[in-house]
Amino acid sequence: MDDEPLEQWAARREQRRPAPGERRAMPLGDDSERGSHVGPDAPRGIQEWDGHQWAPAGIAEDFTTAAAETGEDAMARAERVPLPKFGKLPARPEPWRPTEVFRRPAPPRS
């Protein structure tokens, strides 16, 4: 297994972490990990990253209001996360070929 140096790992981790003061919107209720398309009219809690945890910062009436409140932060967070490198995929396997030669039987003689 190839281990990457600690400095590279720490730099990658720091790049993904939210900046202090960054905000996000979360649905209020029991199902806080739902997608934004589920219950768009439901109230949302606004959370702010203080450098160590997400702290409550306010409440929005619905998803549209919450997106207006946190829109810039969400886009900045999405741009910081790098896409996977496709060069690290394993090589494509060779197609399967039978080991024996297949011959079609001769047509029956009448």
PDB file of N, CA and C in Angstrom:
ATOM      1  N   MET A   1       0.845  -1.174   0.000  1.00  0.00           N
ATOM      2  CA  MET A   1       0.000   0.000   0.000  1.00  0.00           C
ATOM      3  C   MET A   1       0.889   1.235   0.000  1.00  0.00           C
ATOM      4  N   ASP A   2       0.580   2.181  -0.864  1.00  0.00           N
ATOM      5  CA  ASP A   2       1.361   3.406  -0.953  1.00  0.00           C
ATOM      6  C   ASP A   2       0.770   4.449  -0.009  1.00  0.00           C
ATOM      7  N   ASP A   3       1.537   4.810   1.003  1.00  0.00           N
ATOM      8  CA  ASP A   3       1.099   5.843   1.935  1.00  0.00           C
ATOM      9  C   ASP A   3       1.603   7.192   1.451  1.00  0.00           C
ATOM     10  N   GLU A   4       0.710   8.185   1.478  1.00  0.00           N
ATOM     11  CA  GLU A   4       1.142   9.515   1.089  1.00  0.00           C
ATOM     12  C   GLU A   4       1.757  10.217   2.293  1.00  0.00           C
ATOM     13  N   PRO A   5       2.655  11.158   2.062  1.00  0.00           N
ATOM     14  CA  PRO A   5       3.272  11.875   3.182  1.00  0.00           C
ATOM     15  C   PRO A   5       2.217  12.643   3.984  1.00  0.00           C
ATOM     16  N   LEU A   6       2.477  12.806   5.264  1.00  0.00           N
ATOM     17  CA  LEU A   6       1.536  13.478   6.159  1.00  0.00           C
ATOM     18  C   LEU A   6       1.258  14.909   5.712  1.00  0.00           C
ATOM     19  N   GLU A   7       2.243  15.597   5.178  1.00  0.00           N
ATOM     20  CA  GLU A   7       2.049  16.984   4.747  1.00  0.00           C
ATOM     21  C   GLU A   7       1.038  17.066   3.606  1.00  0.00           C
ATOM     22  N   GLN A   8       1.110  16.117   2.662  1.00  0.00           N
ATOM     23  CA  GLN A   8       0.151  16.106   1.555  1.00  0.00           C
ATOM     24  C   GLN A   8      -1.258  15.804   2.058  1.00  0.00           C
ATOM     25  N   TRP A   9      -1.365  14.844   2.961  1.00  0.00           N
ATOM     26  CA  TRP A   9      -2.671  14.506   3.510  1.00  0.00           C
ATOM     27  C   TRP A   9      -3.270  15.689   4.261  1.00  0.00           C
ATOM     28  N   ALA A  10      -2.459  16.368   5.076  1.00  0.00           N
ATOM     29  CA  ALA A  10      -2.945  17.513   5.853  1.00  0.00           C
ATOM     30  C   ALA A  10      -3.375  18.653   4.924  1.00  0.00           C
ATOM     31  N   ALA A  11      -2.634  18.883   3.847  1.00  0.00           N
ATOM     32  CA  ALA A  11      -3.005  19.938   2.906  1.00  0.00           C
ATOM     33  C   ALA A  11      -4.325  19.606   2.217  1.00  0.00           C
ATOM     34  N   ARG A  12      -4.507  18.334   1.816  1.00  0.00           N
ATOM     35  CA  ARG A  12      -5.765  17.912   1.199  1.00  0.00           C
ATOM     36  C   ARG A  12      -6.929  18.054   2.160  1.00  0.00           C
ATOM     37  N   ARG A  13      -6.708  17.667   3.409  1.00  0.00           N
ATOM     38  CA  ARG A  13      -7.758  17.762   4.433  1.00  0.00           C
ATOM     39  C   ARG A  13      -8.126  19.219   4.697  1.00  0.00           C
ATOM     40  N   GLU A  14      -7.140  20.062   4.793  1.00  0.00           N
ATOM     41  CA  GLU A  14      -7.391  21.487   5.070  1.00  0.00           C
ATOM     42  C   GLU A  14      -8.123  22.149   3.909  1.00  0.00           C
ATOM     43  N   GLN A  15      -7.865  21.694   2.700  1.00  0.00           N
ATOM     44  CA  GLN A  15      -8.534  22.253   1.531  1.00  0.00           C
ATOM     45  C   GLN A  15     -10.028  21.941   1.553  1.00  0.00           C
ATOM     46  N   ARG A  16     -10.399  20.763   2.062  1.00  0.00           N
ATOM     47  CA  ARG A  16     -11.812  20.365   2.101  1.00  0.00           C
ATOM     48  C   ARG A  16     -12.570  20.972   3.259  1.00  0.00           C
ATOM     49  N   ARG A  17     -11.874  21.366   4.308  1.00  0.00           N
ATOM     50  CA  ARG A  17     -12.558  21.885   5.493  1.00  0.00           C
ATOM     51  C   ARG A  17     -13.187  23.238   5.222  1.00  0.00           C
ATOM     52  N   PRO A  18     -14.323  23.524   5.847  1.00  0.00           N
ATOM     53  CA  PRO A  18     -14.947  24.832   5.649  1.00  0.00           C
ATOM     54  C   PRO A  18     -14.116  25.939   6.299  1.00  0.00           C
ATOM     55  N   ALA A  19     -14.225  27.134   5.740  1.00  0.00           N
ATOM     56  CA  ALA A  19     -13.523  28.291   6.301  1.00  0.00           C
ATOM     57  C   ALA A  19     -14.344  28.823   7.483  1.00  0.00           C
ATOM     58  N   PRO A  20     -13.709  29.360   8.513  1.00  0.00           N
ATOM     59  CA  PRO A  20     -14.472  29.950   9.623  1.00  0.00           C
ATOM     60  C   PRO A  20     -15.414  31.032   9.092  1.00  0.00           C
ATOM     61  N   GLY A  21     -16.660  30.993   9.559  1.00  0.00           N
ATOM     62  CA  GLY A  21     -17.679  31.933   9.104  1.00  0.00           C
ATOM     63  C   GLY A  21     -18.521  31.418   7.958  1.00  0.00           C
ATOM     64  N   GLU A  22     -18.150  30.279   7.377  1.00  0.00           N
ATOM     65  CA  GLU A  22     -18.920  29.694   6.279  1.00  0.00           C
ATOM     66  C   GLU A  22     -20.246  29.176   6.814  1.00  0.00           C
ATOM     67  N   ARG A  23     -21.298  29.299   6.008  1.00  0.00           N
ATOM     68  CA  ARG A  23     -22.645  28.916   6.445  1.00  0.00           C
ATOM     69  C   ARG A  23     -23.208  27.803   5.582  1.00  0.00           C
ATOM     70  N   ARG A  24     -24.139  27.038   6.194  1.00  0.00           N
ATOM     71  CA  ARG A  24     -24.875  26.005   5.466  1.00  0.00           C
ATOM     72  C   ARG A  24     -26.281  25.931   6.026  1.00  0.00           C
ATOM     73  N   ALA A  25     -27.204  25.393   5.225  1.00  0.00           N
ATOM     74  CA  ALA A  25     -28.601  25.256   5.637  1.00  0.00           C
ATOM     75  C   ALA A  25     -28.917  23.783   5.846  1.00  0.00           C
ATOM     76  N   MET A  26     -29.587  23.467   6.948  1.00  0.00           N
ATOM     77  CA  MET A  26     -29.986  22.097   7.270  1.00  0.00           C
ATOM     78  C   MET A  26     -31.478  22.081   7.594  1.00  0.00           C
ATOM     79  N   PRO A  27     -32.222  21.076   7.110  1.00  0.00           N
ATOM     80  CA  PRO A  27     -33.649  20.982   7.451  1.00  0.00           C
ATOM     81  C   PRO A  27     -33.826  20.786   8.960  1.00  0.00           C
ATOM     82  N   LEU A  28     -34.832  21.407   9.508  1.00  0.00           N
ATOM     83  CA  LEU A  28     -35.139  21.229  10.928  1.00  0.00           C
ATOM     84  C   LEU A  28     -36.013  19.997  11.097  1.00  0.00           C
ATOM     85  N   GLY A  29     -35.856  19.292  12.169  1.00  0.00           N
ATOM     86  CA  GLY A  29     -36.665  18.109  12.426  1.00  0.00           C
ATOM     87  C   GLY A  29     -35.810  16.881  12.637  1.00  0.00           C
ATOM     88  N   ASP A  30     -36.468  15.721  12.602  1.00  0.00           N
ATOM     89  CA  ASP A  30     -35.786  14.460  12.869  1.00  0.00           C
ATOM     90  C   ASP A  30     -34.883  14.018  11.721  1.00  0.00           C
ATOM     91  N   ASP A  31     -35.275  14.324  10.490  1.00  0.00           N
ATOM     92  CA  ASP A  31     -34.500  13.898   9.315  1.00  0.00           C
ATOM     93  C   ASP A  31     -33.633  15.042   8.813  1.00  0.00           C
ATOM     94  N   SER A  32     -32.584  15.378   9.568  1.00  0.00           N
ATOM     95  CA  SER A  32     -31.764  16.531   9.194  1.00  0.00           C
ATOM     96  C   SER A  32     -30.825  16.245   8.030  1.00  0.00           C
ATOM     97  N   GLU A  33     -30.631  14.989   7.660  1.00  0.00           N
ATOM     98  CA  GLU A  33     -29.720  14.649   6.576  1.00  0.00           C
ATOM     99  C   GLU A  33     -30.448  14.427   5.252  1.00  0.00           C
ATOM    100  N   ARG A  34     -31.635  14.974   5.108  1.00  0.00           N
ATOM    101  CA  ARG A  34     -32.393  14.818   3.870  1.00  0.00           C
ATOM    102  C   ARG A  34     -31.855  15.748   2.791  1.00  0.00           C
ATOM    103  N   GLY A  35     -32.194  15.457   1.548  1.00  0.00           N
ATOM    104  CA  GLY A  35     -31.815  16.316   0.440  1.00  0.00           C
ATOM    105  C   GLY A  35     -32.666  17.576   0.415  1.00  0.00           C
ATOM    106  N   SER A  36     -32.189  18.593  -0.286  1.00  0.00           N
ATOM    107  CA  SER A  36     -32.898  19.870  -0.321  1.00  0.00           C
ATOM    108  C   SER A  36     -34.206  19.769  -1.102  1.00  0.00           C
ATOM    109  N   HIS A  37     -34.338  18.772  -1.990  1.00  0.00           N
ATOM    110  CA  HIS A  37     -35.561  18.628  -2.764  1.00  0.00           C
ATOM    111  C   HIS A  37     -36.700  18.025  -1.938  1.00  0.00           C
ATOM    112  N   VAL A  38     -36.385  17.448  -0.776  1.00  0.00           N
ATOM    113  CA  VAL A  38     -37.414  16.868   0.083  1.00  0.00           C
ATOM    114  C   VAL A  38     -37.946  17.962   1.002  1.00  0.00           C
ATOM    115  N   GLY A  39     -39.193  18.295   0.861  1.00  0.00           N
ATOM    116  CA  GLY A  39     -39.807  19.336   1.695  1.00  0.00           C
ATOM    117  C   GLY A  39     -39.195  20.710   1.476  1.00  0.00           C
ATOM    118  N   PRO A  40     -39.251  21.246   0.247  1.00  0.00           N
ATOM    119  CA  PRO A  40     -38.632  22.551   0.010  1.00  0.00           C
ATOM    120  C   PRO A  40     -39.300  23.686   0.785  1.00  0.00           C
ATOM    121  N   ASP A  41     -40.538  23.479   1.252  1.00  0.00           N
ATOM    122  CA  ASP A  41     -41.231  24.519   2.015  1.00  0.00           C
ATOM    123  C   ASP A  41     -40.995  24.393   3.517  1.00  0.00           C
ATOM    124  N   ALA A  42     -40.253  23.392   3.945  1.00  0.00           N
ATOM    125  CA  ALA A  42     -39.981  23.192   5.374  1.00  0.00           C
ATOM    126  C   ALA A  42     -38.950  24.217   5.864  1.00  0.00           C
ATOM    127  N   PRO A  43     -39.027  24.611   7.116  1.00  0.00           N
ATOM    128  CA  PRO A  43     -38.044  25.570   7.646  1.00  0.00           C
ATOM    129  C   PRO A  43     -36.643  24.958   7.714  1.00  0.00           C
ATOM    130  N   ARG A  44     -35.649  25.795   7.575  1.00  0.00           N
ATOM    131  CA  ARG A  44     -34.240  25.369   7.588  1.00  0.00           C
ATOM    132  C   ARG A  44     -33.483  26.106   8.681  1.00  0.00           C
ATOM    133  N   GLY A  45     -32.582  25.379   9.303  1.00  0.00           N
ATOM    134  CA  GLY A  45     -31.689  26.007  10.266  1.00  0.00           C
ATOM    135  C   GLY A  45     -30.412  26.432   9.562  1.00  0.00           C
ATOM    136  N   ILE A  46     -29.938  27.638   9.843  1.00  0.00           N
ATOM    137  CA  ILE A  46     -28.690  28.129   9.266  1.00  0.00           C
ATOM    138  C   ILE A  46     -27.584  27.854  10.281  1.00  0.00           C
ATOM    139  N   GLN A  47     -26.535  27.178   9.842  1.00  0.00           N
ATOM    140  CA  GLN A  47     -25.410  26.869  10.717  1.00  0.00           C
ATOM    141  C   GLN A  47     -24.165  27.567  10.197  1.00  0.00           C
ATOM    142  N   GLU A  48     -23.294  27.963  11.122  1.00  0.00           N
ATOM    143  CA  GLU A  48     -22.061  28.656  10.767  1.00  0.00           C
ATOM    144  C   GLU A  48     -20.872  27.899  11.348  1.00  0.00           C
ATOM    145  N   TRP A  49     -19.823  27.720  10.564  1.00  0.00           N
ATOM    146  CA  TRP A  49     -18.624  27.006  10.992  1.00  0.00           C
ATOM    147  C   TRP A  49     -17.758  27.961  11.797  1.00  0.00           C
ATOM    148  N   ASP A  50     -17.446  27.579  13.040  1.00  0.00           N
ATOM    149  CA  ASP A  50     -16.635  28.458  13.887  1.00  0.00           C
ATOM    150  C   ASP A  50     -15.171  28.027  13.947  1.00  0.00           C
ATOM    151  N   GLY A  51     -14.799  27.099  13.109  1.00  0.00           N
ATOM    152  CA  GLY A  51     -13.429  26.608  13.076  1.00  0.00           C
ATOM    153  C   GLY A  51     -13.295  25.225  13.676  1.00  0.00           C
ATOM    154  N   HIS A  52     -14.283  24.821  14.482  1.00  0.00           N
ATOM    155  CA  HIS A  52     -14.252  23.499  15.123  1.00  0.00           C
ATOM    156  C   HIS A  52     -15.560  22.746  14.968  1.00  0.00           C
ATOM    157  N   GLN A  53     -16.678  23.454  14.850  1.00  0.00           N
ATOM    158  CA  GLN A  53     -17.984  22.800  14.765  1.00  0.00           C
ATOM    159  C   GLN A  53     -18.973  23.718  14.062  1.00  0.00           C
ATOM    160  N   TRP A  54     -20.101  23.117  13.627  1.00  0.00           N
ATOM    161  CA  TRP A  54     -21.181  23.894  13.043  1.00  0.00           C
ATOM    162  C   TRP A  54     -22.062  24.408  14.182  1.00  0.00           C
ATOM    163  N   ALA A  55     -22.171  25.719  14.323  1.00  0.00           N
ATOM    164  CA  ALA A  55     -22.961  26.332  15.396  1.00  0.00           C
ATOM    165  C   ALA A  55     -24.217  26.971  14.795  1.00  0.00           C
ATOM    166  N   PRO A  56     -25.359  26.942  15.514  1.00  0.00           N
ATOM    167  CA  PRO A  56     -26.580  27.553  14.992  1.00  0.00           C
ATOM    168  C   PRO A  56     -26.394  29.065  14.815  1.00  0.00           C
ATOM    169  N   ALA A  57     -26.897  29.583  13.670  1.00  0.00           N
ATOM    170  CA  ALA A  57     -26.762  31.011  13.391  1.00  0.00           C
ATOM    171  C   ALA A  57     -28.102  31.656  13.067  1.00  0.00           C
ATOM    172  N   GLY A  58     -29.133  30.881  12.781  1.00  0.00           N
ATOM    173  CA  GLY A  58     -30.432  31.467  12.466  1.00  0.00           C
ATOM    174  C   GLY A  58     -31.358  30.436  11.870  1.00  0.00           C
ATOM    175  N   ILE A  59     -32.552  30.914  11.480  1.00  0.00           N
ATOM    176  CA  ILE A  59     -33.575  30.043  10.888  1.00  0.00           C
ATOM    177  C   ILE A  59     -34.122  30.726   9.642  1.00  0.00           C
ATOM    178  N   ALA A  60     -34.328  29.952   8.594  1.00  0.00           N
ATOM    179  CA  ALA A  60     -34.937  30.454   7.357  1.00  0.00           C
ATOM    180  C   ALA A  60     -36.299  29.798   7.186  1.00  0.00           C
ATOM    181  N   GLU A  61     -37.208  30.511   6.528  1.00  0.00           N
ATOM    182  CA  GLU A  61     -38.582  30.015   6.362  1.00  0.00           C
ATOM    183  C   GLU A  61     -38.662  28.787   5.457  1.00  0.00           C
ATOM    184  N   ASP A  62     -37.871  28.771   4.387  1.00  0.00           N
ATOM    185  CA  ASP A  62     -37.927  27.663   3.440  1.00  0.00           C
ATOM    186  C   ASP A  62     -36.572  27.525   2.744  1.00  0.00           C
ATOM    187  N   PHE A  63     -36.493  26.585   1.797  1.00  0.00           N
ATOM    188  CA  PHE A  63     -35.229  26.323   1.129  1.00  0.00           C
ATOM    189  C   PHE A  63     -34.751  27.525   0.318  1.00  0.00           C
ATOM    190  N   THR A  64     -35.671  28.215  -0.356  1.00  0.00           N
ATOM    191  CA  THR A  64     -35.283  29.352  -1.185  1.00  0.00           C
ATOM    192  C   THR A  64     -34.630  30.447  -0.351  1.00  0.00           C
ATOM    193  N   THR A  65     -35.208  30.742   0.781  1.00  0.00           N
ATOM    194  CA  THR A  65     -34.641  31.755   1.670  1.00  0.00           C
ATOM    195  C   THR A  65     -33.294  31.298   2.216  1.00  0.00           C
ATOM    196  N   ALA A  66     -33.198  30.029   2.582  1.00  0.00           N
ATOM    197  CA  ALA A  66     -31.942  29.500   3.110  1.00  0.00           C
ATOM    198  C   ALA A  66     -30.848  29.517   2.048  1.00  0.00           C
ATOM    199  N   ALA A  67     -31.203  29.192   0.794  1.00  0.00           N
ATOM    200  CA  ALA A  67     -30.214  29.206  -0.284  1.00  0.00           C
ATOM    201  C   ALA A  67     -29.722  30.621  -0.542  1.00  0.00           C
ATOM    202  N   ALA A  68     -30.604  31.593  -0.448  1.00  0.00           N
ATOM    203  CA  ALA A  68     -30.178  32.989  -0.628  1.00  0.00           C
ATOM    204  C   ALA A  68     -29.241  33.406   0.499  1.00  0.00           C
ATOM    205  N   GLU A  69     -29.455  32.867   1.684  1.00  0.00           N
ATOM    206  CA  GLU A  69     -28.633  33.212   2.841  1.00  0.00           C
ATOM    207  C   GLU A  69     -27.245  32.554   2.785  1.00  0.00           C
ATOM    208  N   THR A  70     -27.161  31.363   2.212  1.00  0.00           N
ATOM    209  CA  THR A  70     -25.907  30.607   2.232  1.00  0.00           C
ATOM    210  C   THR A  70     -25.361  30.309   0.843  1.00  0.00           C
ATOM    211  N   GLY A  71     -25.918  30.879  -0.210  1.00  0.00           N
ATOM    212  CA  GLY A  71     -25.559  30.527  -1.587  1.00  0.00           C
ATOM    213  C   GLY A  71     -24.093  30.659  -1.919  1.00  0.00           C
ATOM    214  N   GLU A  72     -23.468  31.756  -1.561  1.00  0.00           N
ATOM    215  CA  GLU A  72     -22.061  31.959  -1.901  1.00  0.00           C
ATOM    216  C   GLU A  72     -21.179  30.932  -1.195  1.00  0.00           C
ATOM    217  N   ASP A  73     -21.479  30.632   0.053  1.00  0.00           N
ATOM    218  CA  ASP A  73     -20.667  29.678   0.803  1.00  0.00           C
ATOM    219  C   ASP A  73     -20.774  28.278   0.226  1.00  0.00           C
ATOM    220  N   ALA A  74     -21.968  27.884  -0.206  1.00  0.00           N
ATOM    221  CA  ALA A  74     -22.151  26.540  -0.760  1.00  0.00           C
ATOM    222  C   ALA A  74     -21.361  26.375  -2.051  1.00  0.00           C
ATOM    223  N   MET A  75     -21.353  27.398  -2.900  1.00  0.00           N
ATOM    224  CA  MET A  75     -20.601  27.306  -4.149  1.00  0.00           C
ATOM    225  C   MET A  75     -19.099  27.272  -3.873  1.00  0.00           C
ATOM    226  N   ALA A  76     -18.638  28.060  -2.920  1.00  0.00           N
ATOM    227  CA  ALA A  76     -17.205  28.066  -2.593  1.00  0.00           C
ATOM    228  C   ALA A  76     -16.787  26.708  -2.044  1.00  0.00           C
ATOM    229  N   ARG A  77     -17.642  26.084  -1.249  1.00  0.00           N
ATOM    230  CA  ARG A  77     -17.324  24.778  -0.673  1.00  0.00           C
ATOM    231  C   ARG A  77     -17.267  23.718  -1.772  1.00  0.00           C
ATOM    232  N   ALA A  78     -18.174  23.788  -2.740  1.00  0.00           N
ATOM    233  CA  ALA A  78     -18.185  22.809  -3.829  1.00  0.00           C
ATOM    234  C   ALA A  78     -16.957  22.956  -4.725  1.00  0.00           C
ATOM    235  N   GLU A  79     -16.473  24.162  -4.903  1.00  0.00           N
ATOM    236  CA  GLU A  79     -15.305  24.371  -5.759  1.00  0.00           C
ATOM    237  C   GLU A  79     -14.016  23.896  -5.094  1.00  0.00           C
ATOM    238  N   ARG A  80     -13.976  23.818  -3.780  1.00  0.00           N
ATOM    239  CA  ARG A  80     -12.765  23.404  -3.066  1.00  0.00           C
ATOM    240  C   ARG A  80     -12.532  21.908  -3.107  1.00  0.00           C
ATOM    241  N   VAL A  81     -13.571  21.126  -3.286  1.00  0.00           N
ATOM    242  CA  VAL A  81     -13.433  19.671  -3.262  1.00  0.00           C
ATOM    243  C   VAL A  81     -12.932  19.208  -4.631  1.00  0.00           C
ATOM    244  N   PRO A  82     -11.757  18.596  -4.682  1.00  0.00           N
ATOM    245  CA  PRO A  82     -11.214  18.185  -5.978  1.00  0.00           C
ATOM    246  C   PRO A  82     -11.928  16.953  -6.523  1.00  0.00           C
ATOM    247  N   LEU A  83     -11.957  16.854  -7.845  1.00  0.00           N
ATOM    248  CA  LEU A  83     -12.511  15.676  -8.493  1.00  0.00           C
ATOM    249  C   LEU A  83     -11.487  14.556  -8.454  1.00  0.00           C
ATOM    250  N   PRO A  84     -11.917  13.305  -8.479  1.00  0.00           N
ATOM    251  CA  PRO A  84     -10.959  12.199  -8.458  1.00  0.00           C
ATOM    252  C   PRO A  84     -10.137  12.166  -9.738  1.00  0.00           C
ATOM    253  N   LYS A  85      -8.922  11.690  -9.616  1.00  0.00           N
ATOM    254  CA  LYS A  85      -8.044  11.557 -10.777  1.00  0.00           C
ATOM    255  C   LYS A  85      -8.364  10.234 -11.460  1.00  0.00           C
ATOM    256  N   PHE A  86      -8.646  10.292 -12.742  1.00  0.00           N
ATOM    257  CA  PHE A  86      -9.029   9.088 -13.462  1.00  0.00           C
ATOM    258  C   PHE A  86      -7.831   8.240 -13.840  1.00  0.00           C
ATOM    259  N   GLY A  87      -6.619   8.739 -13.712  1.00  0.00           N
ATOM    260  CA  GLY A  87      -5.437   7.958 -14.010  1.00  0.00           C
ATOM    261  C   GLY A  87      -5.185   6.867 -12.988  1.00  0.00           C
ATOM    262  N   LYS A  88      -5.835   6.925 -11.836  1.00  0.00           N
ATOM    263  CA  LYS A  88      -5.618   5.945 -10.781  1.00  0.00           C
ATOM    264  C   LYS A  88      -6.511   4.720 -10.908  1.00  0.00           C
ATOM    265  N   LEU A  89      -7.352   4.683 -11.914  1.00  0.00           N
ATOM    266  CA  LEU A  89      -8.209   3.518 -12.098  1.00  0.00           C
ATOM    267  C   LEU A  89      -7.372   2.325 -12.538  1.00  0.00           C
ATOM    268  N   PRO A  90      -7.767   1.114 -12.179  1.00  0.00           N
ATOM    269  CA  PRO A  90      -6.999  -0.059 -12.621  1.00  0.00           C
ATOM    270  C   PRO A  90      -7.115  -0.229 -14.133  1.00  0.00           C
ATOM    271  N   ALA A  91      -6.163  -0.928 -14.679  1.00  0.00           N
ATOM    272  CA  ALA A  91      -6.174  -1.179 -16.122  1.00  0.00           C
ATOM    273  C   ALA A  91      -7.391  -2.017 -16.497  1.00  0.00           C
ATOM    274  N   ARG A  92      -7.910  -1.775 -17.677  1.00  0.00           N
ATOM    275  CA  ARG A  92      -9.075  -2.519 -18.145  1.00  0.00           C
ATOM    276  C   ARG A  92      -8.674  -3.959 -18.409  1.00  0.00           C
ATOM    277  N   PRO A  93      -9.434  -4.926 -17.914  1.00  0.00           N
ATOM    278  CA  PRO A  93      -9.068  -6.328 -18.162  1.00  0.00           C
ATOM    279  C   PRO A  93      -9.295  -6.707 -19.621  1.00  0.00           C
ATOM    280  N   GLU A  94      -8.564  -7.702 -20.049  1.00  0.00           N
ATOM    281  CA  GLU A  94      -8.746  -8.205 -21.406  1.00  0.00           C
ATOM    282  C   GLU A  94     -10.124  -8.854 -21.508  1.00  0.00           C
ATOM    283  N   PRO A  95     -10.761  -8.761 -22.672  1.00  0.00           N
ATOM    284  CA  PRO A  95     -12.066  -9.416 -22.815  1.00  0.00           C
ATOM    285  C   PRO A  95     -11.938 -10.926 -22.696  1.00  0.00           C
ATOM    286  N   TRP A  96     -12.974 -11.558 -22.219  1.00  0.00           N
ATOM    287  CA  TRP A  96     -12.951 -12.998 -22.029  1.00  0.00           C
ATOM    288  C   TRP A  96     -13.015 -13.692 -23.389  1.00  0.00           C
ATOM    289  N   ARG A  97     -12.145 -14.647 -23.555  1.00  0.00           N
ATOM    290  CA  ARG A  97     -12.160 -15.451 -24.764  1.00  0.00           C
ATOM    291  C   ARG A  97     -12.124 -16.920 -24.333  1.00  0.00           C
ATOM    292  N   PRO A  98     -12.950 -17.747 -24.955  1.00  0.00           N
ATOM    293  CA  PRO A  98     -12.953 -19.161 -24.566  1.00  0.00           C
ATOM    294  C   PRO A  98     -11.595 -19.806 -24.858  1.00  0.00           C
ATOM    295  N   THR A  99     -11.228 -20.767 -24.044  1.00  0.00           N
ATOM    296  CA  THR A  99      -9.935 -21.438 -24.228  1.00  0.00           C
ATOM    297  C   THR A  99      -9.986 -22.509 -25.315  1.00  0.00           C
ATOM    298  N   GLU A 100     -11.163 -23.014 -25.611  1.00  0.00           N
ATOM    299  CA  GLU A 100     -11.299 -24.028 -26.656  1.00  0.00           C
ATOM    300  C   GLU A 100     -11.932 -23.393 -27.882  1.00  0.00           C
ATOM    301  N   VAL A 101     -11.524 -23.883 -29.044  1.00  0.00           N
ATOM    302  CA  VAL A 101     -12.100 -23.382 -30.284  1.00  0.00           C
ATOM    303  C   VAL A 101     -13.498 -23.966 -30.419  1.00  0.00           C
ATOM    304  N   PHE A 102     -14.462 -23.121 -30.661  1.00  0.00           N
ATOM    305  CA  PHE A 102     -15.848 -23.572 -30.804  1.00  0.00           C
ATOM    306  C   PHE A 102     -16.135 -23.772 -32.286  1.00  0.00           C
ATOM    307  N   ARG A 103     -16.631 -24.945 -32.636  1.00  0.00           N
ATOM    308  CA  ARG A 103     -16.987 -25.229 -34.021  1.00  0.00           C
ATOM    309  C   ARG A 103     -18.448 -25.591 -34.075  1.00  0.00           C
ATOM    310  N   ARG A 104     -19.108 -25.016 -35.045  1.00  0.00           N
ATOM    311  CA  ARG A 104     -20.521 -25.287 -35.234  1.00  0.00           C
ATOM    312  C   ARG A 104     -20.651 -26.704 -35.819  1.00  0.00           C
ATOM    313  N   PRO A 105     -21.580 -27.515 -35.315  1.00  0.00           N
ATOM    314  CA  PRO A 105     -21.704 -28.868 -35.852  1.00  0.00           C
ATOM    315  C   PRO A 105     -22.138 -28.842 -37.318  1.00  0.00           C
ATOM    316  N   ALA A 106     -21.741 -29.858 -38.026  1.00  0.00           N
ATOM    317  CA  ALA A 106     -22.109 -29.961 -39.447  1.00  0.00           C
ATOM    318  C   ALA A 106     -23.603 -30.182 -39.560  1.00  0.00           C
ATOM    319  N   PRO A 107     -24.184 -29.642 -40.609  1.00  0.00           N
ATOM    320  CA  PRO A 107     -25.640 -29.864 -40.778  1.00  0.00           C
ATOM    321  C   PRO A 107     -25.930 -31.342 -41.019  1.00  0.00           C
ATOM    322  N   PRO A 108     -27.056 -31.822 -40.558  1.00  0.00           N
ATOM    323  CA  PRO A 108     -27.368 -33.254 -40.745  1.00  0.00           C
ATOM    324  C   PRO A 108     -27.556 -33.589 -42.222  1.00  0.00           C
ATOM    325  N   ARG A 109     -27.110 -34.767 -42.605  1.00  0.00           N
ATOM    326  CA  ARG A 109     -27.254 -35.219 -43.994  1.00  0.00           C
ATOM    327  C   ARG A 109     -28.596 -35.904 -44.151  1.00  0.00           C
ATOM    328  N   SER A 110     -29.237 -35.616 -45.204  1.00  0.00           N
ATOM    329  CA  SER A 110     -30.535 -36.252 -45.446  1.00  0.00           C
ATOM    330  C   SER A 110     -30.428 -37.398 -46.406  1.00  0.00           C
TER     331      SER A 110
END
